[in-house]
PDB file of N, CA and C in Angstrom:
ATOM      1  N   MET A   1     -36.681  75.659 267.306  1.00  0.00           N
ATOM      2  CA  MET A   1     -36.789  74.582 266.335  1.00  0.00           C
ATOM      3  C   MET A   1     -37.448  73.360 266.974  1.00  0.00           C
ATOM      4  N   LEU A   2     -36.909  72.939 268.107  1.00  0.00           N
ATOM      5  CA  LEU A   2     -37.473  71.795 268.814  1.00  0.00           C
ATOM      6  C   LEU A   2     -38.910  72.075 269.226  1.00  0.00           C
ATOM      7  N   GLU A   3     -39.152  73.299 269.638  1.00  0.00           N
ATOM      8  CA  GLU A   3     -40.508  73.673 270.039  1.00  0.00           C
ATOM      9  C   GLU A   3     -41.467  73.584 268.851  1.00  0.00           C
ATOM     10  N   THR A   4     -41.016  73.992 267.701  1.00  0.00           N
ATOM     11  CA  THR A   4     -41.850  73.918 266.496  1.00  0.00           C
ATOM     12  C   THR A   4     -42.185  72.470 266.165  1.00  0.00           C
ATOM     13  N   ILE A   5     -41.188  71.612 266.260  1.00  0.00           N
ATOM     14  CA  ILE A   5     -41.408  70.188 265.999  1.00  0.00           C
ATOM     15  C   ILE A   5     -42.395  69.609 267.000  1.00  0.00           C
ATOM     16  N   LEU A   6     -42.211  69.943 268.270  1.00  0.00           N
ATOM     17  CA  LEU A   6     -43.118  69.437 269.297  1.00  0.00           C
ATOM     18  C   LEU A   6     -44.532  69.945 269.076  1.00  0.00           C
ATOM     19  N   ASN A   7     -44.659  71.217 268.717  1.00  0.00           N
ATOM     20  CA  ASN A   7     -45.986  71.778 268.456  1.00  0.00           C
ATOM     21  C   ASN A   7     -46.648  71.086 267.265  1.00  0.00           C
ATOM     22  N   SER A   8     -45.874  70.811 266.226  1.00  0.00           N
ATOM     23  CA  SER A   8     -46.458  70.137 265.062  1.00  0.00           C
ATOM     24  C   SER A   8     -46.886  68.717 265.422  1.00  0.00           C
ATOM     25  N   LYS A   9     -46.132  68.067 266.300  1.00  0.00           N
ATOM     26  CA  LYS A   9     -46.511  66.726 266.754  1.00  0.00           C
ATOM     27  C   LYS A   9     -47.797  66.787 267.575  1.00  0.00           C
ATOM     28  N   LYS A  10     -47.918  67.831 268.408  1.00  0.00           N
ATOM     29  CA  LYS A  10     -49.138  67.994 269.203  1.00  0.00           C
ATOM     30  C   LYS A  10     -50.339  68.189 268.288  1.00  0.00           C
ATOM     31  N   VAL A  11     -50.161  69.002 267.263  1.00  0.00           N
ATOM     32  CA  VAL A  11     -51.262  69.249 266.325  1.00  0.00           C
ATOM     33  C   VAL A  11     -51.644  67.948 265.631  1.00  0.00           C
ATOM     34  N   ALA A  12     -50.639  67.188 265.229  1.00  0.00           N
ATOM     35  CA  ALA A  12     -50.913  65.912 264.560  1.00  0.00           C
ATOM     36  C   ALA A  12     -51.624  64.952 265.501  1.00  0.00           C
ATOM     37  N   LEU A  13     -51.213  64.940 266.754  1.00  0.00           N
ATOM     38  CA  LEU A  13     -51.855  64.054 267.720  1.00  0.00           C
ATOM     39  C   LEU A  13     -53.268  64.506 268.037  1.00  0.00           C
ATOM     40  N   MET A  14     -53.470  65.806 268.027  1.00  0.00           N
ATOM     41  CA  MET A  14     -54.793  66.338 268.327  1.00  0.00           C
ATOM     42  C   MET A  14     -55.730  66.174 267.132  1.00  0.00           C
ATOM     43  N   ASN A  15     -55.179  66.005 265.955  1.00  0.00           N
ATOM     44  CA  ASN A  15     -55.992  65.893 264.750  1.00  0.00           C
ATOM     45  C   ASN A  15     -55.737  64.535 264.084  1.00  0.00           C
ATOM     46  N   PRO A  16     -56.291  63.474 264.645  1.00  0.00           N
ATOM     47  CA  PRO A  16     -56.017  62.139 264.106  1.00  0.00           C
ATOM     48  C   PRO A  16     -56.574  61.928 262.707  1.00  0.00           C
ATOM     49  N   SER A  17     -57.582  62.707 262.341  1.00  0.00           N
ATOM     50  CA  SER A  17     -58.147  62.530 261.000  1.00  0.00           C
ATOM     51  C   SER A  17     -57.130  62.896 259.927  1.00  0.00           C
ATOM     52  N   SER A  18     -56.250  63.858 260.215  1.00  0.00           N
ATOM     53  CA  SER A  18     -55.227  64.210 259.226  1.00  0.00           C
ATOM     54  C   SER A  18     -54.236  63.067 259.059  1.00  0.00           C
ATOM     55  N   GLN A  19     -53.971  62.345 260.144  1.00  0.00           N
ATOM     56  CA  GLN A  19     -53.085  61.176 260.043  1.00  0.00           C
ATOM     57  C   GLN A  19     -53.752  60.081 259.220  1.00  0.00           C
ATOM     58  N   LYS A  20     -55.044  59.909 259.418  1.00  0.00           N
ATOM     59  CA  LYS A  20     -55.770  58.897 258.652  1.00  0.00           C
ATOM     60  C   LYS A  20     -55.766  59.246 257.170  1.00  0.00           C
ATOM     61  N   VAL A  21     -55.947  60.524 256.886  1.00  0.00           N
ATOM     62  CA  VAL A  21     -55.950  60.968 255.490  1.00  0.00           C
ATOM     63  C   VAL A  21     -54.592  60.698 254.858  1.00  0.00           C
ATOM     64  N   LYS A  22     -53.517  60.990 255.591  1.00  0.00           N
ATOM     65  CA  LYS A  22     -52.171  60.739 255.067  1.00  0.00           C
ATOM     66  C   LYS A  22     -51.945  59.250 254.846  1.00  0.00           C
ATOM     67  N   LYS A  23     -52.390  58.429 255.802  1.00  0.00           N
ATOM     68  CA  LYS A  23     -52.224  56.981 255.659  1.00  0.00           C
ATOM     69  C   LYS A  23     -52.995  56.468 254.453  1.00  0.00           C
ATOM     70  N   ARG A  24     -54.215  56.974 254.291  1.00  0.00           N
ATOM     71  CA  ARG A  24     -55.022  56.549 253.143  1.00  0.00           C
ATOM     72  C   ARG A  24     -54.371  56.985 251.839  1.00  0.00           C
ATOM     73  N   ALA A  25     -53.865  58.217 251.813  1.00  0.00           N
ATOM     74  CA  ALA A  25     -53.202  58.710 250.605  1.00  0.00           C
ATOM     75  C   ALA A  25     -51.980  57.858 250.284  1.00  0.00           C
ATOM     76  N   ASN A  26     -51.213  57.507 251.308  1.00  0.00           N
ATOM     77  CA  ASN A  26     -50.050  56.645 251.091  1.00  0.00           C
ATOM     78  C   ASN A  26     -50.483  55.274 250.589  1.00  0.00           C
ATOM     79  N   SER A  27     -51.546  54.756 251.159  1.00  0.00           N
ATOM     80  CA  SER A  27     -52.051  53.451 250.721  1.00  0.00           C
ATOM     81  C   SER A  27     -52.496  53.504 249.265  1.00  0.00           C
ATOM     82  N   VAL A  28     -53.169  54.577 248.906  1.00  0.00           N
ATOM     83  CA  VAL A  28     -53.622  54.732 247.522  1.00  0.00           C
ATOM     84  C   VAL A  28     -52.426  54.775 246.581  1.00  0.00           C
ATOM     85  N   GLU A  29     -51.396  55.522 246.954  1.00  0.00           N
ATOM     86  CA  GLU A  29     -50.193  55.591 246.117  1.00  0.00           C
ATOM     87  C   GLU A  29     -49.556  54.215 245.965  1.00  0.00           C
ATOM     88  N   ILE A  30     -49.477  53.483 247.053  1.00  0.00           N
ATOM     89  CA  ILE A  30     -48.887  52.139 247.009  1.00  0.00           C
ATOM     90  C   ILE A  30     -49.710  51.237 246.095  1.00  0.00           C
ATOM     91  N   PHE A  31     -51.036  51.269 246.246  1.00  0.00           N
ATOM     92  CA  PHE A  31     -51.891  50.429 245.408  1.00  0.00           C
ATOM     93  C   PHE A  31     -51.791  50.832 243.942  1.00  0.00           C
ATOM     94  N   GLU A  32     -51.674  52.136 243.661  1.00  0.00           N
ATOM     95  CA  GLU A  32     -51.525  52.582 242.279  1.00  0.00           C
ATOM     96  C   GLU A  32     -50.223  52.061 241.680  1.00  0.00           C
ATOM     97  N   LYS A  33     -49.138  52.144 242.447  1.00  0.00           N
ATOM     98  CA  LYS A  33     -47.850  51.640 241.956  1.00  0.00           C
ATOM     99  C   LYS A  33     -47.915  50.139 241.719  1.00  0.00           C
ATOM    100  N   GLU A  34     -48.506  49.417 242.657  1.00  0.00           N
ATOM    101  CA  GLU A  34     -48.636  47.964 242.506  1.00  0.00           C
ATOM    102  C   GLU A  34     -49.496  47.631 241.290  1.00  0.00           C
ATOM    103  N   GLY A  35     -50.557  48.403 241.102  1.00  0.00           N
ATOM    104  CA  GLY A  35     -51.422  48.191 239.937  1.00  0.00           C
ATOM    105  C   GLY A  35     -50.676  48.428 238.638  1.00  0.00           C
ATOM    106  N   ASP A  36     -49.878  49.481 238.594  1.00  0.00           N
ATOM    107  CA  ASP A  36     -49.076  49.762 237.403  1.00  0.00           C
ATOM    108  C   ASP A  36     -48.079  48.640 237.146  1.00  0.00           C
ATOM    109  N   ASN A  37     -47.425  48.174 238.207  1.00  0.00           N
ATOM    110  CA  ASN A  37     -46.468  47.072 238.059  1.00  0.00           C
ATOM    111  C   ASN A  37     -47.164  45.813 237.552  1.00  0.00           C
ATOM    112  N   MET A  38     -48.322  45.530 238.091  1.00  0.00           N
ATOM    113  CA  MET A  38     -49.075  44.348 237.666  1.00  0.00           C
ATOM    114  C   MET A  38     -49.472  44.470 236.196  1.00  0.00           C
ATOM    115  N   ALA A  39     -49.913  45.650 235.793  1.00  0.00           N
ATOM    116  CA  ALA A  39     -50.302  45.859 234.397  1.00  0.00           C
ATOM    117  C   ALA A  39     -49.109  45.647 233.464  1.00  0.00           C
ATOM    118  N   LYS A  40     -47.942  46.137 233.867  1.00  0.00           N
ATOM    119  CA  LYS A  40     -46.743  45.938 233.042  1.00  0.00           C
ATOM    120  C   LYS A  40     -46.400  44.464 232.928  1.00  0.00           C
ATOM    121  N   ARG A  41     -46.480  43.748 234.051  1.00  0.00           N
ATOM    122  CA  ARG A  41     -46.180  42.310 234.025  1.00  0.00           C
ATOM    123  C   ARG A  41     -47.165  41.564 233.124  1.00  0.00           C
ATOM    124  N   LEU A  42     -48.437  41.911 233.235  1.00  0.00           N
ATOM    125  CA  LEU A  42     -49.446  41.253 232.404  1.00  0.00           C
ATOM    126  C   LEU A  42     -49.229  41.555 230.925  1.00  0.00           C
ATOM    127  N   GLU A  43     -48.836  42.784 230.628  1.00  0.00           N
ATOM    128  CA  GLU A  43     -48.560  43.147 229.240  1.00  0.00           C
ATOM    129  C   GLU A  43     -47.393  42.327 228.692  1.00  0.00           C
ATOM    130  N   LEU A  44     -46.328  42.183 229.486  1.00  0.00           N
ATOM    131  CA  LEU A  44     -45.183  41.382 229.053  1.00  0.00           C
ATOM    132  C   LEU A  44     -45.567  39.919 228.864  1.00  0.00           C
ATOM    133  N   LEU A  45     -46.363  39.389 229.787  1.00  0.00           N
ATOM    134  CA  LEU A  45     -46.819  38.006 229.646  1.00  0.00           C
ATOM    135  C   LEU A  45     -47.672  37.833 228.389  1.00  0.00           C
ATOM    136  N   GLY A  46     -48.521  38.812 228.122  1.00  0.00           N
ATOM    137  CA  GLY A  46     -49.352  38.763 226.920  1.00  0.00           C
ATOM    138  C   GLY A  46     -48.507  38.736 225.661  1.00  0.00           C
ATOM    139  N   LYS A  47     -47.463  39.562 225.621  1.00  0.00           N
ATOM    140  CA  LYS A  47     -46.568  39.572 224.460  1.00  0.00           C
ATOM    141  C   LYS A  47     -45.848  38.232 224.321  1.00  0.00           C
ATOM    142  N   LYS A  48     -45.414  37.690 225.442  1.00  0.00           N
ATOM    143  CA  LYS A  48     -44.717  36.402 225.418  1.00  0.00           C
ATOM    144  C   LYS A  48     -45.634  35.308 224.877  1.00  0.00           C
ATOM    145  N   PHE A  49     -46.869  35.239 225.387  1.00  0.00           N
ATOM    146  CA  PHE A  49     -47.797  34.208 224.931  1.00  0.00           C
ATOM    147  C   PHE A  49     -48.192  34.410 223.472  1.00  0.00           C
ATOM    148  N   THR A  50     -48.298  35.658 223.043  1.00  0.00           N
ATOM    149  CA  THR A  50     -48.609  35.924 221.644  1.00  0.00           C
ATOM    150  C   THR A  50     -47.490  35.399 220.756  1.00  0.00           C
ATOM    151  N   GLY A  51     -46.247  35.651 221.157  1.00  0.00           N
ATOM    152  CA  GLY A  51     -45.102  35.149 220.402  1.00  0.00           C
ATOM    153  C   GLY A  51     -45.082  33.634 220.349  1.00  0.00           C
ATOM    154  N   GLU A  52     -45.350  32.994 221.469  1.00  0.00           N
ATOM    155  CA  GLU A  52     -45.378  31.526 221.510  1.00  0.00           C
ATOM    156  C   GLU A  52     -46.517  30.982 220.650  1.00  0.00           C
ATOM    157  N   ARG A  53     -47.667  31.625 220.701  1.00  0.00           N
ATOM    158  CA  ARG A  53     -48.809  31.189 219.890  1.00  0.00           C
ATOM    159  C   ARG A  53     -48.481  31.305 218.407  1.00  0.00           C
ATOM    160  N   ASN A  54     -47.820  32.413 218.027  1.00  0.00           N
ATOM    161  CA  ASN A  54     -47.444  32.600 216.626  1.00  0.00           C
ATOM    162  C   ASN A  54     -46.461  31.524 216.171  1.00  0.00           C
ATOM    163  N   LYS A  55     -45.494  31.186 217.021  1.00  0.00           N
ATOM    164  CA  LYS A  55     -44.549  30.114 216.681  1.00  0.00           C
ATOM    165  C   LYS A  55     -45.286  28.792 216.494  1.00  0.00           C
ATOM    166  N   PHE A  56     -46.214  28.513 217.383  1.00  0.00           N
ATOM    167  CA  PHE A  56     -46.994  27.280 217.307  1.00  0.00           C
ATOM    168  C   PHE A  56     -47.806  27.239 216.014  1.00  0.00           C
ATOM    169  N   GLN A  57     -48.450  28.351 215.673  1.00  0.00           N
ATOM    170  CA  GLN A  57     -49.251  28.403 214.452  1.00  0.00           C
ATOM    171  C   GLN A  57     -48.377  28.239 213.213  1.00  0.00           C
ATOM    172  N   ASP A  58     -47.180  28.826 213.230  1.00  0.00           N
ATOM    173  CA  ASP A  58     -46.246  28.654 212.110  1.00  0.00           C
ATOM    174  C   ASP A  58     -45.851  27.189 211.952  1.00  0.00           C
ATOM    175  N   THR A  59     -45.589  26.530 213.066  1.00  0.00           N
ATOM    176  CA  THR A  59     -45.221  25.112 213.033  1.00  0.00           C
ATOM    177  C   THR A  59     -46.366  24.274 212.485  1.00  0.00           C
ATOM    178  N   ILE A  60     -47.578  24.556 212.915  1.00  0.00           N
ATOM    179  CA  ILE A  60     -48.757  23.836 212.421  1.00  0.00           C
ATOM    180  C   ILE A  60     -48.900  24.047 210.916  1.00  0.00           C
ATOM    181  N   GLN A  61     -48.708  25.265 210.454  1.00  0.00           N
ATOM    182  CA  GLN A  61     -48.821  25.569 209.025  1.00  0.00           C
ATOM    183  C   GLN A  61     -47.776  24.792 208.227  1.00  0.00           C
ATOM    184  N   LYS A  62     -46.546  24.742 208.714  1.00  0.00           N
ATOM    185  CA  LYS A  62     -45.486  23.989 208.028  1.00  0.00           C
ATOM    186  C   LYS A  62     -45.822  22.501 207.976  1.00  0.00           C
ATOM    187  N   LEU A  63     -46.348  21.974 209.083  1.00  0.00           N
ATOM    188  CA  LEU A  63     -46.739  20.561 209.101  1.00  0.00           C
ATOM    189  C   LEU A  63     -47.860  20.279 208.102  1.00  0.00           C
ATOM    190  N   LYS A  64     -48.809  21.191 207.985  1.00  0.00           N
ATOM    191  CA  LYS A  64     -49.893  21.018 207.015  1.00  0.00           C
ATOM    192  C   LYS A  64     -49.348  21.023 205.596  1.00  0.00           C
ATOM    193  N   GLU A  65     -48.418  21.948 205.331  1.00  0.00           N
ATOM    194  CA  GLU A  65     -47.815  22.016 204.001  1.00  0.00           C
ATOM    195  C   GLU A  65     -47.058  20.729 203.685  1.00  0.00           C
ATOM    196  N   GLU A  66     -46.290  20.239 204.634  1.00  0.00           N
ATOM    197  CA  GLU A  66     -45.549  18.990 204.433  1.00  0.00           C
ATOM    198  C   GLU A  66     -46.504  17.819 204.222  1.00  0.00           C
ATOM    199  N   ALA A  67     -47.597  17.806 204.976  1.00  0.00           N
ATOM    200  CA  ALA A  67     -48.581  16.728 204.831  1.00  0.00           C
ATOM    201  C   ALA A  67     -49.223  16.768 203.451  1.00  0.00           C
ATOM    202  N   SER A  68     -49.529  17.957 202.959  1.00  0.00           N
ATOM    203  CA  SER A  68     -50.151  18.052 201.632  1.00  0.00           C
ATOM    204  C   SER A  68     -49.160  17.654 200.538  1.00  0.00           C
ATOM    205  N   ILE A  69     -47.876  17.980 200.708  1.00  0.00           N
ATOM    206  CA  ILE A  69     -46.846  17.561 199.746  1.00  0.00           C
ATOM    207  C   ILE A  69     -46.726  16.039 199.748  1.00  0.00           C
ATOM    208  N   MET A  70     -46.703  15.445 200.928  1.00  0.00           N
ATOM    209  CA  MET A  70     -46.602  13.989 201.038  1.00  0.00           C
ATOM    210  C   MET A  70     -47.825  13.309 200.422  1.00  0.00           C
ATOM    211  N   GLN A  71     -48.986  13.895 200.629  1.00  0.00           N
ATOM    212  CA  GLN A  71     -50.212  13.332 200.072  1.00  0.00           C
ATOM    213  C   GLN A  71     -50.175  13.413 198.548  1.00  0.00           C
ATOM    214  N   ALA A  72     -49.712  14.552 198.018  1.00  0.00           N
ATOM    215  CA  ALA A  72     -49.617  14.716 196.568  1.00  0.00           C
ATOM    216  C   ALA A  72     -48.620  13.717 195.980  1.00  0.00           C
ATOM    217  N   GLN A  73     -47.522  13.482 196.669  1.00  0.00           N
ATOM    218  CA  GLN A  73     -46.517  12.535 196.185  1.00  0.00           C
ATOM    219  C   GLN A  73     -47.052  11.105 196.215  1.00  0.00           C
ATOM    220  N   SER A  74     -47.858  10.801 197.205  1.00  0.00           N
ATOM    221  CA  SER A  74     -48.391   9.440 197.301  1.00  0.00           C
ATOM    222  C   SER A  74     -49.440   9.168 196.230  1.00  0.00           C
ATOM    223  N   MET A  75     -50.062  10.200 195.690  1.00  0.00           N
ATOM    224  CA  MET A  75     -51.070  10.037 194.642  1.00  0.00           C
ATOM    225  C   MET A  75     -50.423   9.827 193.277  1.00  0.00           C
ATOM    226  N   GLU A  76     -49.170  10.175 193.131  1.00  0.00           N
ATOM    227  CA  GLU A  76     -48.500  10.050 191.829  1.00  0.00           C
ATOM    228  C   GLU A  76     -48.208   8.664 191.444  1.00  0.00           C
TER     229      GLU A  76
END
């Protein structure tokens, strides 16, 4: 068992390109996960800002309606 482990370590040491490939693959996986996390965060932020924008637009609409009512009352 120990001999097998040592032999596999020797092979890995003798073949540094396989270590580089593994490191690159791990890096790619990490970047993909980070990218997915970032996309989720951006999506949540987008939903939040959309909700806030809608609230703001509703408030503006109510103010316009109140202003038009006040204007109509002042003309009477």
